């Protein structure tokens, strides 16, 4: 089951996480459907949704690191 969290960002609508598969999902404003990321530790997801700047955090710590 995916737990979705709405975030405040001009580029990202919401971020989801499925703890049973360690898969994270990002729903970007300019894309449909959402992107999925594999083998993401839950702590990485928690840090992401709590980041001061979600977009900056994505570019620094998520992008190109958890491709499926």
C-alpha atoms as a PDB file:
ATOM      1  CA  UNK A   1       0.000   0.000   0.000  1.00  0.00           C
ATOM      2  CA  UNK A   2       1.322   3.419  -0.945  1.00  0.00           C
ATOM      3  CA  UNK A   3       1.273   6.111   1.724  1.00  0.00           C
ATOM      4  CA  UNK A   4       1.041   9.493  -0.056  1.00  0.00           C
ATOM      5  CA  UNK A   5       2.145  12.811   1.419  1.00  0.00           C
ATOM      6  CA  UNK A   6       1.275  16.166  -0.159  1.00  0.00           C
ATOM      7  CA  UNK A   7       4.270  18.496  -0.218  1.00  0.00           C
ATOM      8  CA  UNK A   8       4.793  22.208  -0.740  1.00  0.00           C
ATOM      9  CA  UNK A   9       6.767  22.511  -3.944  1.00  0.00           C
ATOM     10  CA  UNK A  10       6.369  24.222  -7.283  1.00  0.00           C
ATOM     11  CA  UNK A  11       7.538  21.056  -9.080  1.00  0.00           C
ATOM     12  CA  UNK A  12       6.243  18.157  -6.941  1.00  0.00           C
ATOM     13  CA  UNK A  13       2.613  17.522  -5.959  1.00  0.00           C
ATOM     14  CA  UNK A  14       3.035  14.545  -3.664  1.00  0.00           C
ATOM     15  CA  UNK A  15       5.425  11.803  -2.638  1.00  0.00           C
ATOM     16  CA  UNK A  16       4.443   8.224  -1.923  1.00  0.00           C
ATOM     17  CA  UNK A  17       6.170   5.314  -0.265  1.00  0.00           C
ATOM     18  CA  UNK A  18       5.448   1.595  -0.079  1.00  0.00           C
ATOM     19  CA  UNK A  19       7.344   0.190   2.902  1.00  0.00           C
ATOM     20  CA  UNK A  20       6.671  -3.418   1.863  1.00  0.00           C
ATOM     21  CA  UNK A  21       8.678  -2.961  -1.354  1.00  0.00           C
ATOM     22  CA  UNK A  22      10.924   0.007  -0.448  1.00  0.00           C
ATOM     23  CA  UNK A  23       9.566   1.794  -3.487  1.00  0.00           C
ATOM     24  CA  UNK A  24       9.067   5.550  -3.536  1.00  0.00           C
ATOM     25  CA  UNK A  25       6.811   7.443  -5.938  1.00  0.00           C
ATOM     26  CA  UNK A  26       6.945  11.090  -6.944  1.00  0.00           C
ATOM     27  CA  UNK A  27       4.026  12.864  -8.588  1.00  0.00           C
ATOM     28  CA  UNK A  28       5.570  15.811 -10.436  1.00  0.00           C
ATOM     29  CA  UNK A  29       3.422  18.788 -11.452  1.00  0.00           C
ATOM     30  CA  UNK A  30       4.401  18.447 -15.122  1.00  0.00           C
ATOM     31  CA  UNK A  31       4.153  14.674 -15.548  1.00  0.00           C
ATOM     32  CA  UNK A  32       1.570  11.977 -15.566  1.00  0.00           C
ATOM     33  CA  UNK A  33       1.670   9.343 -14.192  1.00  0.00           C
ATOM     34  CA  UNK A  34       4.115   9.450 -11.292  1.00  0.00           C
ATOM     35  CA  UNK A  35       7.735   8.271 -11.316  1.00  0.00           C
ATOM     36  CA  UNK A  36       8.868   5.316  -9.229  1.00  0.00           C
ATOM     37  CA  UNK A  37      12.180   4.767  -7.462  1.00  0.00           C
ATOM     38  CA  UNK A  38      13.437   1.385  -6.221  1.00  0.00           C
ATOM     39  CA  UNK A  39      15.292   0.217  -3.119  1.00  0.00           C
ATOM     40  CA  UNK A  40      14.704   3.474  -1.255  1.00  0.00           C
ATOM     41  CA  UNK A  41      15.299   3.195   2.506  1.00  0.00           C
ATOM     42  CA  UNK A  42      12.400   4.536   4.559  1.00  0.00           C
ATOM     43  CA  UNK A  43      14.722   7.047   6.222  1.00  0.00           C
ATOM     44  CA  UNK A  44      15.485   8.578   2.801  1.00  0.00           C
ATOM     45  CA  UNK A  45      11.750   8.992   2.214  1.00  0.00           C
ATOM     46  CA  UNK A  46      11.264  10.606   5.652  1.00  0.00           C
ATOM     47  CA  UNK A  47      14.131  13.044   5.078  1.00  0.00           C
ATOM     48  CA  UNK A  48      12.706  13.894   1.662  1.00  0.00           C
ATOM     49  CA  UNK A  49       9.189  14.737   2.843  1.00  0.00           C
ATOM     50  CA  UNK A  50      10.590  16.784   5.731  1.00  0.00           C
ATOM     51  CA  UNK A  51      13.168  18.693   3.680  1.00  0.00           C
ATOM     52  CA  UNK A  52      13.055  22.467   3.792  1.00  0.00           C
ATOM     53  CA  UNK A  53      13.188  22.493  -0.011  1.00  0.00           C
ATOM     54  CA  UNK A  54      11.720  19.319  -1.509  1.00  0.00           C
ATOM     55  CA  UNK A  55      12.937  20.200  -5.018  1.00  0.00           C
ATOM     56  CA  UNK A  56      16.501  20.863  -3.894  1.00  0.00           C
ATOM     57  CA  UNK A  57      16.510  17.688  -1.817  1.00  0.00           C
ATOM     58  CA  UNK A  58      15.304  15.688  -4.828  1.00  0.00           C
ATOM     59  CA  UNK A  59      18.125  16.980  -7.016  1.00  0.00           C
ATOM     60  CA  UNK A  60      20.802  16.455  -4.352  1.00  0.00           C
ATOM     61  CA  UNK A  61      19.822  13.095  -2.883  1.00  0.00           C
ATOM     62  CA  UNK A  62      17.230  11.264  -5.012  1.00  0.00           C
ATOM     63  CA  UNK A  63      17.612  11.983  -8.720  1.00  0.00           C
ATOM     64  CA  UNK A  64      19.589   9.298 -10.611  1.00  0.00           C
ATOM     65  CA  UNK A  65      20.248   7.276  -7.419  1.00  0.00           C
ATOM     66  CA  UNK A  66      17.291   4.926  -7.064  1.00  0.00           C
ATOM     67  CA  UNK A  67      16.434   3.944 -10.608  1.00  0.00           C
ATOM     68  CA  UNK A  68      14.429   0.740 -11.023  1.00  0.00           C
END
